[in-house]
Amino acid sequence: MEMTVQLTIDCSDPQRMVAFWAEALGYVPEPAPAGHATWRAYWMAAGVPEAELPADAGDIPESIVDPAGRGPRVWFQQVPEPKVAKNRWHFDLKVGGGRDVPLDVRTQRVTATVERLVKAGATVLRTKDEPDTGLYAVAMQDPEGNEFDVV
């Protein structure tokens, strides 16, 4: 049996999250299925009652996909309640290249990614700079407070 994986992230502003995570992951906003101008048009054609669709839902893509087709689809589901607790899972954006890459090179790669993501709306929480153990990583939050690491 074939299986695909979708990661669903609850949020208050799907469009903001699409823009941020597309930038962070190198993904692209997922276009509406063929023959439909928007996801809203697709959902309505599929029989989803308009009353079940929040205002503006699906007018702009609320999901992102890996353009290379390797990673999972990520859907940002609008919910009314705010985030209230620490994530029980998080993304690790592994940009350093692993322990076979010299620490100074890994540090430069992580730092460049952190700077790019701060410009895109992320916040730095803390930096783990442990040269004795060969570790350099930065804990961050996305625009809605979800934690992730850049390693």
C-alpha atoms as a PDB file:
ATOM      1  CA  MET A   1       0.000   0.000   0.000  1.00  0.00           C
ATOM      2  CA  GLU A   2       1.330   3.438  -0.932  1.00  0.00           C
ATOM      3  CA  MET A   3       1.469   6.116   1.745  1.00  0.00           C
ATOM      4  CA  THR A   4       2.267   9.799   1.654  1.00  0.00           C
ATOM      5  CA  VAL A   5       2.994  11.990   4.655  1.00  0.00           C
ATOM      6  CA  GLN A   6       1.584  15.434   5.342  1.00  0.00           C
ATOM      7  CA  LEU A   7       2.647  17.555   8.281  1.00  0.00           C
ATOM      8  CA  THR A   8      -0.231  19.698   9.561  1.00  0.00           C
ATOM      9  CA  ILE A   9       0.620  22.744  11.656  1.00  0.00           C
ATOM     10  CA  ASP A  10      -2.112  24.618  13.507  1.00  0.00           C
ATOM     11  CA  CYS A  11      -1.720  28.383  13.229  1.00  0.00           C
ATOM     12  CA  SER A  12      -3.595  31.665  13.226  1.00  0.00           C
ATOM     13  CA  ASP A  13      -2.183  33.095   9.961  1.00  0.00           C
ATOM     14  CA  PRO A  14      -1.623  30.446   7.261  1.00  0.00           C
ATOM     15  CA  GLN A  15      -0.338  32.888   4.648  1.00  0.00           C
ATOM     16  CA  ARG A  16       2.347  34.234   6.982  1.00  0.00           C
ATOM     17  CA  MET A  17       3.395  30.699   7.866  1.00  0.00           C
ATOM     18  CA  VAL A  18       3.461  29.643   4.186  1.00  0.00           C
ATOM     19  CA  ALA A  19       5.773  32.534   3.376  1.00  0.00           C
ATOM     20  CA  PHE A  20       8.081  31.853   6.331  1.00  0.00           C
ATOM     21  CA  TRP A  21       8.339  28.058   6.047  1.00  0.00           C
ATOM     22  CA  ALA A  22       8.669  28.117   2.252  1.00  0.00           C
ATOM     23  CA  GLU A  23      11.714  30.337   2.801  1.00  0.00           C
ATOM     24  CA  ALA A  24      13.030  28.231   5.691  1.00  0.00           C
ATOM     25  CA  LEU A  25      12.668  24.848   3.975  1.00  0.00           C
ATOM     26  CA  GLY A  26      13.251  25.807   0.338  1.00  0.00           C
ATOM     27  CA  TYR A  27       9.675  24.747  -0.444  1.00  0.00           C
ATOM     28  CA  VAL A  28       7.124  26.476  -2.664  1.00  0.00           C
ATOM     29  CA  PRO A  29       3.475  27.367  -2.072  1.00  0.00           C
ATOM     30  CA  GLU A  30       1.368  24.499  -3.379  1.00  0.00           C
ATOM     31  CA  PRO A  31      -0.713  25.532  -6.387  1.00  0.00           C
ATOM     32  CA  ALA A  32      -4.388  24.634  -6.525  1.00  0.00           C
ATOM     33  CA  PRO A  33      -5.229  21.413  -8.380  1.00  0.00           C
ATOM     34  CA  ALA A  34      -5.472  21.647 -12.162  1.00  0.00           C
ATOM     35  CA  GLY A  35      -8.633  23.296 -13.391  1.00  0.00           C
ATOM     36  CA  HIS A  36      -9.112  25.432 -10.269  1.00  0.00           C
ATOM     37  CA  ALA A  37      -7.958  29.021  -9.813  1.00  0.00           C
ATOM     38  CA  THR A  38      -7.666  28.658  -6.019  1.00  0.00           C
ATOM     39  CA  TRP A  39      -7.830  26.026  -3.323  1.00  0.00           C
ATOM     40  CA  ARG A  40     -11.125  27.583  -2.199  1.00  0.00           C
ATOM     41  CA  ALA A  41     -12.561  26.981  -5.687  1.00  0.00           C
ATOM     42  CA  TYR A  42     -11.289  23.383  -5.554  1.00  0.00           C
ATOM     43  CA  TRP A  43     -12.800  22.750  -2.095  1.00  0.00           C
ATOM     44  CA  MET A  44     -16.144  24.192  -3.127  1.00  0.00           C
ATOM     45  CA  ALA A  45     -16.138  22.093  -6.329  1.00  0.00           C
ATOM     46  CA  ALA A  46     -15.397  19.053  -4.151  1.00  0.00           C
ATOM     47  CA  GLY A  47     -18.508  19.795  -2.078  1.00  0.00           C
ATOM     48  CA  VAL A  48     -17.095  21.526   1.005  1.00  0.00           C
ATOM     49  CA  PRO A  49     -19.858  23.879   2.186  1.00  0.00           C
ATOM     50  CA  GLU A  50     -18.863  27.545   2.131  1.00  0.00           C
ATOM     51  CA  ALA A  51     -19.994  27.803   5.772  1.00  0.00           C
ATOM     52  CA  GLU A  52     -17.141  25.433   6.724  1.00  0.00           C
ATOM     53  CA  LEU A  53     -14.492  27.604   5.092  1.00  0.00           C
ATOM     54  CA  PRO A  54     -13.105  30.511   7.125  1.00  0.00           C
ATOM     55  CA  ALA A  55     -13.118  33.897   5.415  1.00  0.00           C
ATOM     56  CA  ASP A  56     -10.382  34.010   2.745  1.00  0.00           C
ATOM     57  CA  ALA A  57      -9.462  30.333   3.336  1.00  0.00           C
ATOM     58  CA  GLY A  58      -7.893  28.893   0.218  1.00  0.00           C
ATOM     59  CA  ASP A  59      -7.765  32.160  -1.717  1.00  0.00           C
ATOM     60  CA  ILE A  60      -3.984  32.029  -1.290  1.00  0.00           C
ATOM     61  CA  PRO A  61      -2.146  28.668  -0.852  1.00  0.00           C
ATOM     62  CA  GLU A  62      -2.131  27.392   2.727  1.00  0.00           C
ATOM     63  CA  SER A  63       0.286  24.549   2.064  1.00  0.00           C
ATOM     64  CA  ILE A  64       3.836  24.180   0.827  1.00  0.00           C
ATOM     65  CA  VAL A  65       5.555  21.391  -1.063  1.00  0.00           C
ATOM     66  CA  ASP A  66       9.103  20.329  -1.766  1.00  0.00           C
ATOM     67  CA  PRO A  67       9.780  21.270  -5.401  1.00  0.00           C
ATOM     68  CA  ALA A  68      12.035  18.202  -5.679  1.00  0.00           C
ATOM     69  CA  GLY A  69       9.202  15.972  -4.442  1.00  0.00           C
ATOM     70  CA  ARG A  70      11.223  14.396  -1.616  1.00  0.00           C
ATOM     71  CA  GLY A  71       9.862  16.044   1.526  1.00  0.00           C
ATOM     72  CA  PRO A  72       6.353  15.933   2.953  1.00  0.00           C
ATOM     73  CA  ARG A  73       3.608  18.403   2.130  1.00  0.00           C
ATOM     74  CA  VAL A  74       3.117  20.906   4.953  1.00  0.00           C
ATOM     75  CA  TRP A  75      -0.377  22.292   5.525  1.00  0.00           C
ATOM     76  CA  PHE A  76      -0.957  25.306   7.767  1.00  0.00           C
ATOM     77  CA  GLN A  77      -4.401  24.807   9.262  1.00  0.00           C
ATOM     78  CA  GLN A  78      -6.045  27.940  10.613  1.00  0.00           C
ATOM     79  CA  VAL A  79      -7.360  27.469  14.154  1.00  0.00           C
ATOM     80  CA  PRO A  80      -8.913  30.032  16.515  1.00  0.00           C
ATOM     81  CA  GLU A  81      -6.841  29.255  19.610  1.00  0.00           C
ATOM     82  CA  PRO A  82      -3.267  30.551  20.057  1.00  0.00           C
ATOM     83  CA  LYS A  83      -0.223  28.394  20.737  1.00  0.00           C
ATOM     84  CA  VAL A  84      -0.002  27.896  24.509  1.00  0.00           C
ATOM     85  CA  ALA A  85       2.793  25.416  25.211  1.00  0.00           C
ATOM     86  CA  LYS A  86       6.206  24.282  24.029  1.00  0.00           C
ATOM     87  CA  ASN A  87       6.217  22.051  20.952  1.00  0.00           C
ATOM     88  CA  ARG A  88       6.477  18.311  21.573  1.00  0.00           C
ATOM     89  CA  TRP A  89       8.271  18.048  18.192  1.00  0.00           C
ATOM     90  CA  HIS A  90      10.290  20.458  16.103  1.00  0.00           C
ATOM     91  CA  PHE A  91      12.126  20.839  12.833  1.00  0.00           C
ATOM     92  CA  ASP A  92      15.916  20.548  12.746  1.00  0.00           C
ATOM     93  CA  LEU A  93      17.189  22.491   9.748  1.00  0.00           C
ATOM     94  CA  LYS A  94      20.449  20.651   9.154  1.00  0.00           C
ATOM     95  CA  VAL A  95      22.451  23.161   7.131  1.00  0.00           C
ATOM     96  CA  GLY A  96      25.918  22.704   8.665  1.00  0.00           C
ATOM     97  CA  GLY A  97      26.854  19.551   6.791  1.00  0.00           C
ATOM     98  CA  GLY A  98      27.431  17.224   9.727  1.00  0.00           C
ATOM     99  CA  ARG A  99      30.435  16.439  11.887  1.00  0.00           C
ATOM    100  CA  ASP A 100      32.661  15.659   8.900  1.00  0.00           C
ATOM    101  CA  VAL A 101      32.607  19.401   8.081  1.00  0.00           C
ATOM    102  CA  PRO A 102      34.964  21.610  10.137  1.00  0.00           C
ATOM    103  CA  LEU A 103      33.230  23.413  13.012  1.00  0.00           C
ATOM    104  CA  ASP A 104      34.100  26.886  11.699  1.00  0.00           C
ATOM    105  CA  VAL A 105      32.460  26.078   8.340  1.00  0.00           C
ATOM    106  CA  ARG A 106      29.377  24.622  10.048  1.00  0.00           C
ATOM    107  CA  THR A 107      29.166  27.717  12.267  1.00  0.00           C
ATOM    108  CA  GLN A 108      29.280  30.014   9.214  1.00  0.00           C
ATOM    109  CA  ARG A 109      26.541  28.018   7.478  1.00  0.00           C
ATOM    110  CA  VAL A 110      24.308  28.022  10.555  1.00  0.00           C
ATOM    111  CA  THR A 111      24.885  31.730  11.145  1.00  0.00           C
ATOM    112  CA  ALA A 112      24.023  32.617   7.542  1.00  0.00           C
ATOM    113  CA  THR A 113      20.784  30.613   7.747  1.00  0.00           C
ATOM    114  CA  VAL A 114      19.863  32.160  11.102  1.00  0.00           C
ATOM    115  CA  GLU A 115      20.382  35.663   9.696  1.00  0.00           C
ATOM    116  CA  ARG A 116      18.213  34.840   6.658  1.00  0.00           C
ATOM    117  CA  LEU A 117      15.422  33.428   8.836  1.00  0.00           C
ATOM    118  CA  VAL A 118      15.484  36.362  11.260  1.00  0.00           C
ATOM    119  CA  LYS A 119      14.886  38.627   8.243  1.00  0.00           C
ATOM    120  CA  ALA A 120      11.974  36.342   7.295  1.00  0.00           C
ATOM    121  CA  GLY A 121      10.368  36.721  10.747  1.00  0.00           C
ATOM    122  CA  ALA A 122      12.040  34.187  13.063  1.00  0.00           C
ATOM    123  CA  THR A 123      13.370  34.920  16.549  1.00  0.00           C
ATOM    124  CA  VAL A 124      16.567  33.552  18.087  1.00  0.00           C
ATOM    125  CA  LEU A 125      15.934  31.832  21.432  1.00  0.00           C
ATOM    126  CA  ARG A 126      19.428  30.629  22.314  1.00  0.00           C
ATOM    127  CA  THR A 127      22.729  29.593  20.782  1.00  0.00           C
ATOM    128  CA  LYS A 128      24.625  26.435  21.714  1.00  0.00           C
ATOM    129  CA  ASP A 129      28.263  27.178  21.005  1.00  0.00           C
ATOM    130  CA  GLU A 130      30.286  24.299  22.457  1.00  0.00           C
ATOM    131  CA  PRO A 131      33.587  24.037  20.561  1.00  0.00           C
ATOM    132  CA  ASP A 132      34.923  21.399  22.969  1.00  0.00           C
ATOM    133  CA  THR A 133      32.161  19.023  21.864  1.00  0.00           C
ATOM    134  CA  GLY A 134      32.031  20.247  18.257  1.00  0.00           C
ATOM    135  CA  LEU A 135      28.502  21.619  18.608  1.00  0.00           C
ATOM    136  CA  TYR A 136      27.110  24.806  17.146  1.00  0.00           C
ATOM    137  CA  ALA A 137      23.325  25.145  16.917  1.00  0.00           C
ATOM    138  CA  VAL A 138      20.733  27.864  17.264  1.00  0.00           C
ATOM    139  CA  ALA A 139      17.244  27.398  18.732  1.00  0.00           C
ATOM    140  CA  MET A 140      14.684  29.669  17.077  1.00  0.00           C
ATOM    141  CA  GLN A 141      10.955  30.403  16.900  1.00  0.00           C
ATOM    142  CA  ASP A 142       8.902  30.911  13.755  1.00  0.00           C
ATOM    143  CA  PRO A 143       6.541  33.927  13.478  1.00  0.00           C
ATOM    144  CA  GLU A 144       3.885  32.139  15.590  1.00  0.00           C
ATOM    145  CA  GLY A 145       6.238  30.892  18.291  1.00  0.00           C
ATOM    146  CA  ASN A 146       6.883  27.321  17.116  1.00  0.00           C
ATOM    147  CA  GLU A 147      10.390  26.198  18.059  1.00  0.00           C
ATOM    148  CA  PHE A 148      12.946  24.814  15.607  1.00  0.00           C
ATOM    149  CA  ASP A 149      16.704  24.364  15.510  1.00  0.00           C
ATOM    150  CA  VAL A 150      19.305  25.327  12.935  1.00  0.00           C
ATOM    151  CA  VAL A 151      22.198  22.891  13.153  1.00  0.00           C
END
